[in-house]
Amino acid sequence: MRTPSIPDNEAERQQALDETELLNSGADPRFDRITRLCLDLFSVPIALVSLIDRERQYFKSRQGLDASETPRDISFCGHAIMGSEPLIIENVLDDMRFCDNPLVCGAPDIRFYAGMPIHSSEGYRLGTLCLIDNQPRQFSEHSVAQLKNLAGMVEDLIWTDIYQRRESTALQQQLQTSHDEMASLINNIPGITFRCLPDKSWTMLYISNQVDTISGYAADDLINNKRVCYADLIHPDDVSVVDDAVTNAMANNEEWHIEYRVRHRTLGFRWVEERGKCIETDPRHPQVLEGFIIDITRERNALTQLERHHQALTVLTDIAFSCHGSLDERINHALQEAKLYLRAELAIVSEVKGEVYTVNWIAGPPDTTIVAGQQFALKDTWCQFLMAENPSSTTQEQFIADTDRPEFQQHPCYKTAPLGSYAGVVINVYDRPWGTLNVSSAKARSEDYNDGEKLFLRLLGNWLSDVLTQNLSQQRLTKLAALLPGTLYQFRRFPDGRMVFPYSSPQIETLYGITPEQAAEDAIPAFERIHPGDIETVSRSIEHSAHTLEHWQSTYQVNCPGKGYRWISGEARPEKMIDGSTLWHGYLQDVHEQHQARLALEQSEARLRSLFDFSPIGIALNDLATGQFLDLNDALIAPTGYTREEFVSLSYWDVTPKEYEPEEQKALASMQSTGRYGPFEKEYIRKDGSRYPVRLQGMLSTELDGKKVIWSLVEDITERKKLDKMKDEFIATVSHELRTPLTSIKGALGLLNGGATGELPPKANKLLHTAERNATRLTLLINDLLDMEKLVAGKMPIQKQKQDLGSLLDDAIESVKSYQHQTQTQIRPPNNWPAVTVNVDGPRLIQALTNLLSNAIKFSPEGEWVDVSVIVDKTLVEIAIRDRGPGVDLAFQDRLFQRFSQADSSDNRKVAGTGLGLAITREICQQMDGDVGYRDAEGGGALFFIQLQVAQ
């Protein structure tokens, strides 16, 4: 903490402070009005008028603070009086001078300070007008200007008191001097000495020559009423005062001491002070009045001026603290007060746009013809003197006590709007001329506008500038707030339980069915619209926020007009007010759709989580960059032997044997290009080191934070592998065991059909042909089974070499010619095959093509064509075989190339087959780096195709 420095002129400053007699003189309601104004204007909890004494700072006025003084060495104001400009500390914790100050570390917990030095009339800094808050805050230039103006009002009060005291002292000294000179009245009496008769004319027997200073008449003019009698010079309103004072003094044999006005022949009325006594020693007159008269006009005018200053401050304070609510009421009240104070007939606040003068507010006599909203040409008004075309040359004020002067007689307003007196000041809004405040009367004033009246009009103009600026700012805020999707608001709860919305944007009506004006009067109707099931929760949250001053936030249902119950989200920042109430600044918005969507999303996530957790297939989420397991279900962990905690600490690579790295790289490349991988099979490593087979497929995904992750389905195929092995072993065994006897049976049947045993009866021949046909089908089935076994097991050798595709197609078509003749179906190839070379195993490709051609012939209607075509596209060649049969049912298409799959699997199906031809064709094509597929042909029928790589 840094102790405040002592000013270089401390002795003179302290003397100036002592002369004010403000120290220890108690509270002064005039200063209290200003500090209360500070609380409302700046929304701070503490406002002080602080005086820096020798060892202390004394609070002449205090709001929000119990202590009447604090030590000077820890005072903030002690630092502030080191300069003439305001000391603003928006956050004292950031200032090394104050961060550990006892007033910061303890009560009143200062976090913000703004102090404007208060000067004596000689310029000595006596103390400050300061603002204190227990929260850090920002302080705008506009607020600094307001603080300066209010400090100026404090200075005016101090200067006025000093001036009154000094003038009073001077007057007393002067009166004392007069009393002293009365003792030597005969030799040298200052002022006017007189002797007169106590008659109605106050007939002067003697009066000194100084009487001409107060009356404009010589002494001879008054003696014996030669030209004028003294009674005629007394102001009519003061005649009774003088008569009563003299009569009472004579009755009680006392002196009289009175002040009254005397009419000067050319200078108007003058104030005089008169002292006298009735003398009864004159032998010529039973009673004679003797005394002296002093001209006190200057002193009386000074006191009157001080009273007017004080009256001006009182009126301005009343205007600033008026309880009127609306802007119109406040300004109309201010104009009425201004008109009375300045003794004017008409007071107007106008707005000037270009050359148009608009009366916005007016206070005038009942018979005035001017009304609010009326417009005039600016050049026809007296305010044209204030509002020049060039803002930089605008005159800020004009005071004309008598308009009947040559410089005004040529102006248009002299004829169009004749006035006797006029006074006006410019009203600035956002530091630019906006309009005028002016007062006027039909008659000229008897005297010029004095300094107090001019100051009053200036200060009132400044107040109007601030009020209109604030109102315009609020209008702009309201317009901006109206564009928001939600409601801006202030909510205030008073200690007695009363609740209001001091401010709310228009959208509050769509939420609560009340206007901003209704909300400002009572908040109960808004609470009545909250769902009964939510009202207790909302009330508790408000109570908690008020008690802890924590940020308020709540989501609840409101019965919105015409919409029914909807979800509303609200949040607000609380602030404790000096009267014990709590004020929240916040925002409300309709979040019904978002809330419903969130609930639906939570429900959907819960369902998905259930499916995830109870899925019989393992599901894993891995980080793409590290392979780390982020999430997994129980089905994935079950066969591994690990606990969940152990497994999630592993990465993808910890459970994958190294020999599968090529397959993994291939899957990774597929995922990078297509976003998916698999399905493919590999092995996982259990905790005990053993392995088990799995089938994987998955997809790449991106999290909200941009991290790439992999979702994988990991199926334990241990049991399926066992079944496949058993099936393959069974098929191999059956195939080998059946092949030898079947060959013998087929041969024997062939011999019998060939007549080796002689001619057989027709019925026997028919049975033998049926048996031979079935034996042939069974042989084909066994051959297909053996081929399929070899292909799947990788035991069928594939010898690839570069060959002309056209020759291979011709061989395949030739191989099914006999089958064509049986069904009366023709194969239609193109006139010429494209010249293309493929790297394939020729016999195996012919086998695959034969399977597709025989199927096309088998399913084609009798006499129809089977088309064969070839399309070459850069590195890929496609062989298409199209028939005109019924095509493949959509429900069966995804099982076309599975083993033993047949669309018609009944015992009496029309078309015979083993169900292995297409499966064998797929295995052959895939082992030659090709593929086989199906699509519906245009115009009906089936189209099977084989895709092969073009040999480079």
Foldseek 3Di string as FASTA:
>chain_A
DAFFDQDPPNVVLQVLLVLLVLPPPAEDVLVQLLQVLVCVVVVAQKKFFWFDHDFKIATNYIGNDDDRIDTRRLDPQSNQQNDQAKDWQLACCVPPNHVPRCCCVDPPNFGTKIWGFAAAPVGHGGTTTMGTHNHGDDADPVNSVVRVVSSVVVNVVSNLSSVVVVLVVVVVVVVVVQVVLVVVVVPDHPAKKFKADLDQLRATCFIDQNVCVQAVDGRVCDHRVNPHGQNVFFDPVCSVVVNVQQVVCQVVQHKGWDWGWGQHPPPGIFIKIKIWGWDQPDPVDRIMIITGIHTCRVSVVSVVVSVLLVVLSVLVSCLSPPPDDDPLVSVQSNQVSLCVSVVFAKKFWWFDDDQKIFTQHIDHDPPDPDDHGDIDGNQLAPCCQQDDPDQVPGDFKDWFQAQPDVVNCPGNNCPNPNFGTKIKGFADAPNTGTTMIMTTHRHGHPDTDDPSSNVSRVVVSPVVNVVVNVVVVVVVVLVVQVPDQWKWWKWKAAPVGFIATCAMHQCVCQFQVDGNVVRRVGVVSSLVQFPPVCSVVQVVQVVVCLVVQDKGWDWGWGQGPPPGTFIKIKIWGWDQGNNRMIMTTIIMHTCRVVVVVVVVVVVVVVVVVVCQQPPLWKKFKAFPVFQQTPDIYPNVVVVQQDDPVVRNVDGPVVFFDPVCVVVVVVQVVCCVVPQKGDQDKGWTAHPVGDIFIWTKIWGWDADPVRGIMIMMTIGGCRVVVVVVVVVLVVLVVVLVVPQVVLVVVLVVLVCVLVQVVHDDDPVVNVVSVVVNVVSVQVNVLSVLSVLLSCLVVVNPDWQWDKDWPVVLVVVLQVVCVVVCVVQQEEEDEDPDAPGFIFTGRSVLLSLLSNLVVSVQSQQAHHNYYWYWHWDDDVFKIKIKIWHAGQEDDPVCQVVQQPAQDDPDPDPPDPGDDRRHSSVSSQSRLVVQVKGKHWDADPPHTIMIMIMGTTDD
